[in-house]
Amino acid sequence: MSKGIDTKGSNVPSFEKAKILPVQDDAIRLKLYHGSEEVREIDDIRFPGPYSKYDFGPGFYLAESRRSAEEWTLGKTGHIVNEYDFCAPKSDILYLTGEAWIRVVVGFRLRKYRVFFKSPVICGFIANDRMDISLPFFMRGEIGDQRLLQCLDYCKLGNQYLLRQGTECLSNHSYKVLKGIELQRAVERKGARRREMEEGLLKIRRQPIAGEKYIEDYLNKGDYHEV
C-alpha cells in the first residue's frame, strides 16, 4: 500500500503563484478558473460519473492560472473562461506532489488500481497536453519517475484543483468569452511554449537517474490511500 503525503501544510509545495485573497481562520482563498465551451454557473455545475478518466478522478476541475484555463477552451466549439472565488479550510485540501502525484494520475488514467481519497479537494500539477510530451514515456516504461518529475518541474504547468464532493467552496462567479485577438494569442502561445519545451524535455528524458522507479514499480504497489 502506498502512503500519501501530509495534508496539514508542512509538505505543501511551492507551486506557481496564484492570485491569493485575504486569509482568515486557516482558510485558503484563491481566484480559480475553469475553461469550457459554456458558461458554468455554480448552481449548474454537474459532476461526471465515477468511471470517467481524469487525472485525480471525477469532479470539477479548476486552474490557478487564467492562461491554463484559456488553453483548456482551445479545440472546443466555445471559448469561455469561468472565474470563481474559492475558499476552503486548509485541512480539506490534499496537496499531491512527487510519487503521490504520479500514483494518483497513473491510477486514474490506466485504471490498474484504485485510489481512495478522504479530502473533498485535491490540488496538484496540471497534466495537460504539454505534460503529455513526457507522461506517455513514463507510462510506456521508457523513463523513470525521477525524470518524469524533472519534466514536471521544467514544464511549470501550474496547479489544478479538483472539487470532489460539491461546490460549496465557490462563490462570485463571472466569465469571459475568449475571441478575436485574445483567442489567437492563446493559440499561438500554447504552440510556441510547447515547441520551446521539447528540446529541454528531450535532454531530461535521455539522462537516466540512479534508483528511479518505473511504471511497473507503481503498478505493483497496489491501491493508493490518502493518509
C-alpha atoms as a PDB file:
ATOM      1  CA  MET A   1       0.000   0.000   0.000  1.00  0.00           C
ATOM      2  CA  SER A   2       1.339   3.377  -0.949  1.00  0.00           C
ATOM      3  CA  LYS A   3       1.364   6.225   1.530  1.00  0.00           C
ATOM      4  CA  GLY A   4       0.094   9.665   0.680  1.00  0.00           C
ATOM      5  CA  ILE A   5       1.508  12.928   1.958  1.00  0.00           C
ATOM      6  CA  ASP A   6       0.886  15.230   4.860  1.00  0.00           C
ATOM      7  CA  THR A   7      -2.273  17.271   4.268  1.00  0.00           C
ATOM      8  CA  LYS A   8      -1.784  19.696   7.157  1.00  0.00           C
ATOM      9  CA  GLY A   9       0.556  22.016   5.318  1.00  0.00           C
ATOM     10  CA  SER A  10       4.066  21.013   6.408  1.00  0.00           C
ATOM     11  CA  ASN A  11       4.742  19.496   2.976  1.00  0.00           C
ATOM     12  CA  VAL A  12       2.711  21.927   0.920  1.00  0.00           C
ATOM     13  CA  PRO A  13       4.829  22.529  -2.207  1.00  0.00           C
ATOM     14  CA  SER A  14       5.910  25.831  -3.622  1.00  0.00           C
ATOM     15  CA  PHE A  15       3.514  25.913  -6.562  1.00  0.00           C
ATOM     16  CA  GLU A  16       3.108  28.527  -9.240  1.00  0.00           C
ATOM     17  CA  LYS A  17       1.918  31.694  -7.513  1.00  0.00           C
ATOM     18  CA  ALA A  18      -1.835  32.185  -7.669  1.00  0.00           C
ATOM     19  CA  LYS A  19      -3.840  35.316  -7.001  1.00  0.00           C
ATOM     20  CA  ILE A  20      -4.349  34.891  -3.226  1.00  0.00           C
ATOM     21  CA  LEU A  21      -7.191  36.604  -1.429  1.00  0.00           C
ATOM     22  CA  PRO A  22      -7.137  37.546   2.295  1.00  0.00           C
ATOM     23  CA  VAL A  23      -6.800  34.509   4.550  1.00  0.00           C
ATOM     24  CA  GLN A  24      -8.899  34.125   7.696  1.00  0.00           C
ATOM     25  CA  ASP A  25      -9.436  31.244  10.100  1.00  0.00           C
ATOM     26  CA  ASP A  26      -6.871  28.989   8.388  1.00  0.00           C
ATOM     27  CA  ALA A  27      -8.839  29.122   5.127  1.00  0.00           C
ATOM     28  CA  ILE A  28      -7.301  29.074   1.660  1.00  0.00           C
ATOM     29  CA  ARG A  29      -8.770  31.802  -0.566  1.00  0.00           C
ATOM     30  CA  LEU A  30      -7.961  31.926  -4.278  1.00  0.00           C
ATOM     31  CA  LYS A  31      -9.195  33.079  -7.642  1.00  0.00           C
ATOM     32  CA  LEU A  32      -9.657  29.911  -9.717  1.00  0.00           C
ATOM     33  CA  TYR A  33     -10.593  29.433 -13.366  1.00  0.00           C
ATOM     34  CA  HIS A  34     -12.426  26.829 -15.439  1.00  0.00           C
ATOM     35  CA  GLY A  35     -12.075  26.748 -19.216  1.00  0.00           C
ATOM     36  CA  SER A  36     -15.159  25.460 -21.006  1.00  0.00           C
ATOM     37  CA  GLU A  37     -17.280  25.831 -24.113  1.00  0.00           C
ATOM     38  CA  GLU A  38     -20.141  27.107 -21.983  1.00  0.00           C
ATOM     39  CA  VAL A  39     -20.884  29.319 -19.005  1.00  0.00           C
ATOM     40  CA  ARG A  40     -20.700  27.292 -15.776  1.00  0.00           C
ATOM     41  CA  GLU A  41     -22.871  28.974 -13.156  1.00  0.00           C
ATOM     42  CA  ILE A  42     -22.187  27.491  -9.728  1.00  0.00           C
ATOM     43  CA  ASP A  43     -25.707  26.065  -9.372  1.00  0.00           C
ATOM     44  CA  ASP A  44     -25.444  24.465 -12.816  1.00  0.00           C
ATOM     45  CA  ILE A  45     -22.157  22.607 -12.277  1.00  0.00           C
ATOM     46  CA  ARG A  46     -22.644  18.877 -12.808  1.00  0.00           C
ATOM     47  CA  PHE A  47     -20.190  16.206 -11.718  1.00  0.00           C
ATOM     48  CA  PRO A  48     -19.170  13.394 -14.120  1.00  0.00           C
ATOM     49  CA  GLY A  49     -19.730   9.713 -13.427  1.00  0.00           C
ATOM     50  CA  PRO A  50     -17.330   7.698 -11.248  1.00  0.00           C
ATOM     51  CA  TYR A  51     -15.737   5.844 -14.156  1.00  0.00           C
ATOM     52  CA  SER A  52     -14.650   8.856 -16.174  1.00  0.00           C
ATOM     53  CA  LYS A  53     -10.896   9.145 -16.852  1.00  0.00           C
ATOM     54  CA  TYR A  54      -9.399  12.184 -15.152  1.00  0.00           C
ATOM     55  CA  ASP A  55      -6.029  12.982 -13.574  1.00  0.00           C
ATOM     56  CA  PHE A  56      -7.309  12.970  -9.989  1.00  0.00           C
ATOM     57  CA  GLY A  57     -10.624  11.232 -10.587  1.00  0.00           C
ATOM     58  CA  PRO A  58     -14.127  12.527 -11.299  1.00  0.00           C
ATOM     59  CA  GLY A  59     -15.136  16.003 -10.150  1.00  0.00           C
ATOM     60  CA  PHE A  60     -14.973  19.655 -11.171  1.00  0.00           C
ATOM     61  CA  TYR A  61     -11.530  20.941 -12.174  1.00  0.00           C
ATOM     62  CA  LEU A  62     -10.228  24.480 -11.827  1.00  0.00           C
ATOM     63  CA  ALA A  63      -6.863  26.073 -12.596  1.00  0.00           C
ATOM     64  CA  GLU A  64      -4.872  28.652 -10.647  1.00  0.00           C
ATOM     65  CA  SER A  65      -3.787  30.237 -13.911  1.00  0.00           C
ATOM     66  CA  ARG A  66      -6.172  32.066 -16.225  1.00  0.00           C
ATOM     67  CA  ARG A  67      -3.881  31.180 -19.137  1.00  0.00           C
ATOM     68  CA  SER A  68      -4.209  27.468 -18.354  1.00  0.00           C
ATOM     69  CA  ALA A  69      -7.992  27.845 -18.360  1.00  0.00           C
ATOM     70  CA  GLU A  70      -7.755  29.634 -21.719  1.00  0.00           C
ATOM     71  CA  GLU A  71      -5.800  26.693 -23.131  1.00  0.00           C
ATOM     72  CA  TRP A  72      -8.479  24.277 -21.883  1.00  0.00           C
ATOM     73  CA  THR A  73     -11.011  26.013 -24.158  1.00  0.00           C
ATOM     74  CA  LEU A  74      -8.956  25.536 -27.323  1.00  0.00           C
ATOM     75  CA  GLY A  75     -10.333  22.882 -29.646  1.00  0.00           C
ATOM     76  CA  LYS A  76     -13.861  23.349 -28.287  1.00  0.00           C
ATOM     77  CA  THR A  77     -16.814  24.958 -30.025  1.00  0.00           C
ATOM     78  CA  GLY A  78     -16.855  27.775 -27.465  1.00  0.00           C
ATOM     79  CA  HIS A  79     -14.071  29.550 -25.592  1.00  0.00           C
ATOM     80  CA  ILE A  80     -15.292  30.654 -22.185  1.00  0.00           C
ATOM     81  CA  VAL A  81     -13.154  31.259 -19.101  1.00  0.00           C
ATOM     82  CA  ASN A  82     -15.222  30.980 -15.922  1.00  0.00           C
ATOM     83  CA  GLU A  83     -13.828  32.686 -12.806  1.00  0.00           C
ATOM     84  CA  TYR A  84     -14.706  31.874  -9.196  1.00  0.00           C
ATOM     85  CA  ASP A  85     -13.713  32.842  -5.684  1.00  0.00           C
ATOM     86  CA  PHE A  86     -12.541  29.699  -3.891  1.00  0.00           C
ATOM     87  CA  CYS A  87     -12.468  29.359  -0.098  1.00  0.00           C
ATOM     88  CA  ALA A  88     -11.866  26.158   1.871  1.00  0.00           C
ATOM     89  CA  PRO A  89     -10.144  25.133   5.120  1.00  0.00           C
ATOM     90  CA  LYS A  90      -6.566  24.065   4.571  1.00  0.00           C
ATOM     91  CA  SER A  91      -7.391  20.753   6.254  1.00  0.00           C
ATOM     92  CA  ASP A  92      -9.884  19.981   3.442  1.00  0.00           C
ATOM     93  CA  ILE A  93      -7.199  20.119   0.743  1.00  0.00           C
ATOM     94  CA  LEU A  94      -4.853  17.281  -0.191  1.00  0.00           C
ATOM     95  CA  TYR A  95      -1.710  18.558  -1.932  1.00  0.00           C
ATOM     96  CA  LEU A  96      -0.278  15.935  -4.282  1.00  0.00           C
ATOM     97  CA  THR A  97       3.442  16.055  -5.087  1.00  0.00           C
ATOM     98  CA  GLY A  98       6.185  13.682  -6.185  1.00  0.00           C
ATOM     99  CA  GLU A  99       5.387   9.982  -6.097  1.00  0.00           C
ATOM    100  CA  ALA A 100       1.903  10.633  -4.709  1.00  0.00           C
ATOM    101  CA  TRP A 101       1.041  12.735  -7.779  1.00  0.00           C
ATOM    102  CA  ILE A 102       2.370  10.029 -10.096  1.00  0.00           C
ATOM    103  CA  ARG A 103       0.461   7.233  -8.352  1.00  0.00           C
ATOM    104  CA  VAL A 104      -2.825   9.093  -8.479  1.00  0.00           C
ATOM    105  CA  VAL A 105      -2.511  10.099 -12.146  1.00  0.00           C
ATOM    106  CA  VAL A 106      -1.399   6.606 -13.188  1.00  0.00           C
ATOM    107  CA  GLY A 107      -4.174   5.018 -11.142  1.00  0.00           C
ATOM    108  CA  PHE A 108      -6.938   7.052 -12.735  1.00  0.00           C
ATOM    109  CA  ARG A 109      -5.558   7.145 -16.274  1.00  0.00           C
ATOM    110  CA  LEU A 110      -4.748   3.440 -16.538  1.00  0.00           C
ATOM    111  CA  ARG A 111      -7.352   2.128 -14.061  1.00  0.00           C
ATOM    112  CA  LYS A 112      -4.873  -0.517 -12.938  1.00  0.00           C
ATOM    113  CA  TYR A 113      -5.514   0.058  -9.235  1.00  0.00           C
ATOM    114  CA  ARG A 114      -7.924   2.040  -7.085  1.00  0.00           C
ATOM    115  CA  VAL A 115      -7.342   5.429  -5.493  1.00  0.00           C
ATOM    116  CA  PHE A 116      -9.073   6.389  -2.241  1.00  0.00           C
ATOM    117  CA  PHE A 117      -9.334   9.987  -1.021  1.00  0.00           C
ATOM    118  CA  LYS A 118     -10.653  11.407   2.243  1.00  0.00           C
ATOM    119  CA  SER A 119     -10.221  15.058   1.314  1.00  0.00           C
ATOM    120  CA  PRO A 120     -13.001  16.884  -0.571  1.00  0.00           C
ATOM    121  CA  VAL A 121     -10.460  18.978  -2.541  1.00  0.00           C
ATOM    122  CA  ILE A 122      -7.349  17.711  -4.344  1.00  0.00           C
ATOM    123  CA  CYS A 123      -4.563  20.003  -5.594  1.00  0.00           C
ATOM    124  CA  GLY A 124      -1.631  19.118  -7.811  1.00  0.00           C
ATOM    125  CA  PHE A 125       0.201  19.909 -11.028  1.00  0.00           C
ATOM    126  CA  ILE A 126      -1.765  20.048 -14.255  1.00  0.00           C
ATOM    127  CA  ALA A 127      -1.128  17.163 -16.649  1.00  0.00           C
ATOM    128  CA  ASN A 128      -2.256  18.793 -19.887  1.00  0.00           C
ATOM    129  CA  ASP A 129      -1.009  18.256 -23.439  1.00  0.00           C
ATOM    130  CA  ARG A 130       2.327  19.920 -22.611  1.00  0.00           C
ATOM    131  CA  MET A 131       2.871  17.298 -19.917  1.00  0.00           C
ATOM    132  CA  ASP A 132       1.925  14.654 -22.476  1.00  0.00           C
ATOM    133  CA  ILE A 133       5.239  15.387 -24.159  1.00  0.00           C
ATOM    134  CA  SER A 134       6.740  13.270 -21.336  1.00  0.00           C
ATOM    135  CA  LEU A 135       3.987  11.436 -19.422  1.00  0.00           C
ATOM    136  CA  PRO A 136       3.467   8.776 -22.150  1.00  0.00           C
ATOM    137  CA  PHE A 137       7.180   7.938 -21.988  1.00  0.00           C
ATOM    138  CA  PHE A 138       6.750   7.067 -18.309  1.00  0.00           C
ATOM    139  CA  MET A 139       3.557   5.112 -18.992  1.00  0.00           C
ATOM    140  CA  ARG A 140       5.426   3.008 -21.584  1.00  0.00           C
ATOM    141  CA  GLY A 141       8.352   2.372 -19.217  1.00  0.00           C
ATOM    142  CA  GLU A 142      10.851   4.384 -21.262  1.00  0.00           C
ATOM    143  CA  ILE A 143      11.736   6.791 -18.427  1.00  0.00           C
ATOM    144  CA  GLY A 144      11.623   6.562 -14.643  1.00  0.00           C
ATOM    145  CA  ASP A 145       9.729   8.614 -12.085  1.00  0.00           C
ATOM    146  CA  GLN A 146      12.574  10.996 -11.250  1.00  0.00           C
ATOM    147  CA  ARG A 147      12.929  12.055 -14.868  1.00  0.00           C
ATOM    148  CA  LEU A 148       9.155  12.463 -15.078  1.00  0.00           C
ATOM    149  CA  LEU A 149       9.210  14.729 -12.010  1.00  0.00           C
ATOM    150  CA  GLN A 150      12.043  16.750 -13.553  1.00  0.00           C
ATOM    151  CA  CYS A 151       9.882  17.157 -16.659  1.00  0.00           C
ATOM    152  CA  LEU A 152       7.017  18.338 -14.457  1.00  0.00           C
ATOM    153  CA  ASP A 153       9.231  20.961 -12.873  1.00  0.00           C
ATOM    154  CA  TYR A 154      10.602  22.041 -16.236  1.00  0.00           C
ATOM    155  CA  CYS A 155       7.144  22.472 -17.770  1.00  0.00           C
ATOM    156  CA  LYS A 156       5.921  24.762 -14.953  1.00  0.00           C
ATOM    157  CA  LEU A 157       2.306  23.985 -15.758  1.00  0.00           C
ATOM    158  CA  GLY A 158       0.856  25.317 -12.528  1.00  0.00           C
ATOM    159  CA  ASN A 159      -1.784  23.596 -10.439  1.00  0.00           C
ATOM    160  CA  GLN A 160      -5.290  22.334 -10.780  1.00  0.00           C
ATOM    161  CA  TYR A 161      -7.879  21.935  -8.047  1.00  0.00           C
ATOM    162  CA  LEU A 162     -10.380  19.087  -8.108  1.00  0.00           C
ATOM    163  CA  LEU A 163     -13.659  19.545  -6.236  1.00  0.00           C
ATOM    164  CA  ARG A 164     -14.839  16.035  -5.431  1.00  0.00           C
ATOM    165  CA  GLN A 165     -17.960  16.468  -3.348  1.00  0.00           C
ATOM    166  CA  GLY A 166     -19.662  19.741  -4.202  1.00  0.00           C
ATOM    167  CA  THR A 167     -19.272  23.420  -4.994  1.00  0.00           C
ATOM    168  CA  GLU A 168     -19.926  24.991  -1.577  1.00  0.00           C
ATOM    169  CA  CYS A 169     -16.376  26.374  -1.624  1.00  0.00           C
ATOM    170  CA  LEU A 170     -17.111  28.510  -4.726  1.00  0.00           C
ATOM    171  CA  SER A 171     -18.705  31.959  -4.908  1.00  0.00           C
ATOM    172  CA  ASN A 172     -18.830  35.140  -7.024  1.00  0.00           C
ATOM    173  CA  HIS A 173     -18.895  33.523 -10.462  1.00  0.00           C
ATOM    174  CA  SER A 174     -18.091  35.601 -13.525  1.00  0.00           C
ATOM    175  CA  TYR A 175     -16.985  34.697 -17.024  1.00  0.00           C
ATOM    176  CA  LYS A 176     -15.288  35.999 -20.145  1.00  0.00           C
ATOM    177  CA  VAL A 177     -15.682  34.892 -23.745  1.00  0.00           C
ATOM    178  CA  LEU A 178     -12.320  34.428 -25.435  1.00  0.00           C
ATOM    179  CA  LYS A 179     -12.426  35.693 -29.014  1.00  0.00           C
ATOM    180  CA  GLY A 180     -10.616  37.722 -31.634  1.00  0.00           C
ATOM    181  CA  ILE A 181      -7.039  38.676 -30.877  1.00  0.00           C
ATOM    182  CA  GLU A 182      -7.171  37.153 -27.380  1.00  0.00           C
ATOM    183  CA  LEU A 183      -8.154  33.764 -28.795  1.00  0.00           C
ATOM    184  CA  GLN A 184      -5.473  33.983 -31.462  1.00  0.00           C
ATOM    185  CA  ARG A 185      -2.829  34.834 -28.879  1.00  0.00           C
ATOM    186  CA  ALA A 186      -3.871  31.868 -26.716  1.00  0.00           C
ATOM    187  CA  VAL A 187      -3.468  29.504 -29.668  1.00  0.00           C
ATOM    188  CA  GLU A 188      -0.075  30.960 -30.601  1.00  0.00           C
ATOM    189  CA  ARG A 189       1.150  30.970 -27.004  1.00  0.00           C
ATOM    190  CA  LYS A 190       0.231  27.333 -26.493  1.00  0.00           C
ATOM    191  CA  GLY A 191       2.010  26.192 -29.662  1.00  0.00           C
ATOM    192  CA  ALA A 192       5.103  28.299 -29.057  1.00  0.00           C
ATOM    193  CA  ARG A 193       5.514  27.133 -25.472  1.00  0.00           C
ATOM    194  CA  ARG A 194       5.221  23.500 -26.479  1.00  0.00           C
ATOM    195  CA  ARG A 195       7.911  23.885 -29.149  1.00  0.00           C
ATOM    196  CA  GLU A 196      10.182  25.694 -26.688  1.00  0.00           C
ATOM    197  CA  MET A 197       9.975  22.872 -24.183  1.00  0.00           C
ATOM    198  CA  GLU A 198      10.504  19.908 -26.496  1.00  0.00           C
ATOM    199  CA  GLU A 199      14.312  20.220 -26.690  1.00  0.00           C
ATOM    200  CA  GLY A 200      14.747  20.631 -22.926  1.00  0.00           C
ATOM    201  CA  LEU A 201      12.436  17.725 -22.159  1.00  0.00           C
ATOM    202  CA  LEU A 202      14.302  15.533 -24.634  1.00  0.00           C
ATOM    203  CA  LYS A 203      17.567  16.170 -22.766  1.00  0.00           C
ATOM    204  CA  ILE A 204      15.922  15.257 -19.437  1.00  0.00           C
ATOM    205  CA  ARG A 205      14.464  12.032 -20.814  1.00  0.00           C
ATOM    206  CA  ARG A 206      17.844  10.923 -22.207  1.00  0.00           C
ATOM    207  CA  GLN A 207      19.670  11.004 -18.850  1.00  0.00           C
ATOM    208  CA  PRO A 208      18.728   8.064 -16.559  1.00  0.00           C
ATOM    209  CA  ILE A 209      18.833   8.682 -12.804  1.00  0.00           C
ATOM    210  CA  ALA A 210      20.140   6.024 -10.439  1.00  0.00           C
ATOM    211  CA  GLY A 211      17.468   4.451  -8.266  1.00  0.00           C
ATOM    212  CA  GLU A 212      14.459   5.892 -10.078  1.00  0.00           C
ATOM    213  CA  LYS A 213      11.293   3.801 -10.203  1.00  0.00           C
ATOM    214  CA  TYR A 214       9.434   2.748 -13.310  1.00  0.00           C
ATOM    215  CA  ILE A 215       5.784   2.239 -14.120  1.00  0.00           C
ATOM    216  CA  GLU A 216       5.890  -1.433 -13.072  1.00  0.00           C
ATOM    217  CA  ASP A 217       7.010  -0.412  -9.583  1.00  0.00           C
ATOM    218  CA  TYR A 218       3.930   1.776  -9.218  1.00  0.00           C
ATOM    219  CA  LEU A 219       1.552  -0.834 -10.578  1.00  0.00           C
ATOM    220  CA  ASN A 220       2.939  -3.424  -8.148  1.00  0.00           C
ATOM    221  CA  LYS A 221       2.267  -1.276  -5.072  1.00  0.00           C
ATOM    222  CA  GLY A 222      -1.477  -1.883  -5.109  1.00  0.00           C
ATOM    223  CA  ASP A 223      -4.175   0.625  -4.227  1.00  0.00           C
ATOM    224  CA  TYR A 224      -3.381   4.205  -3.247  1.00  0.00           C
ATOM    225  CA  HIS A 225      -4.816   5.508   0.031  1.00  0.00           C
ATOM    226  CA  GLU A 226      -4.621   9.064   1.290  1.00  0.00           C
ATOM    227  CA  VAL A 227      -3.139   9.023   4.816  1.00  0.00           C
END
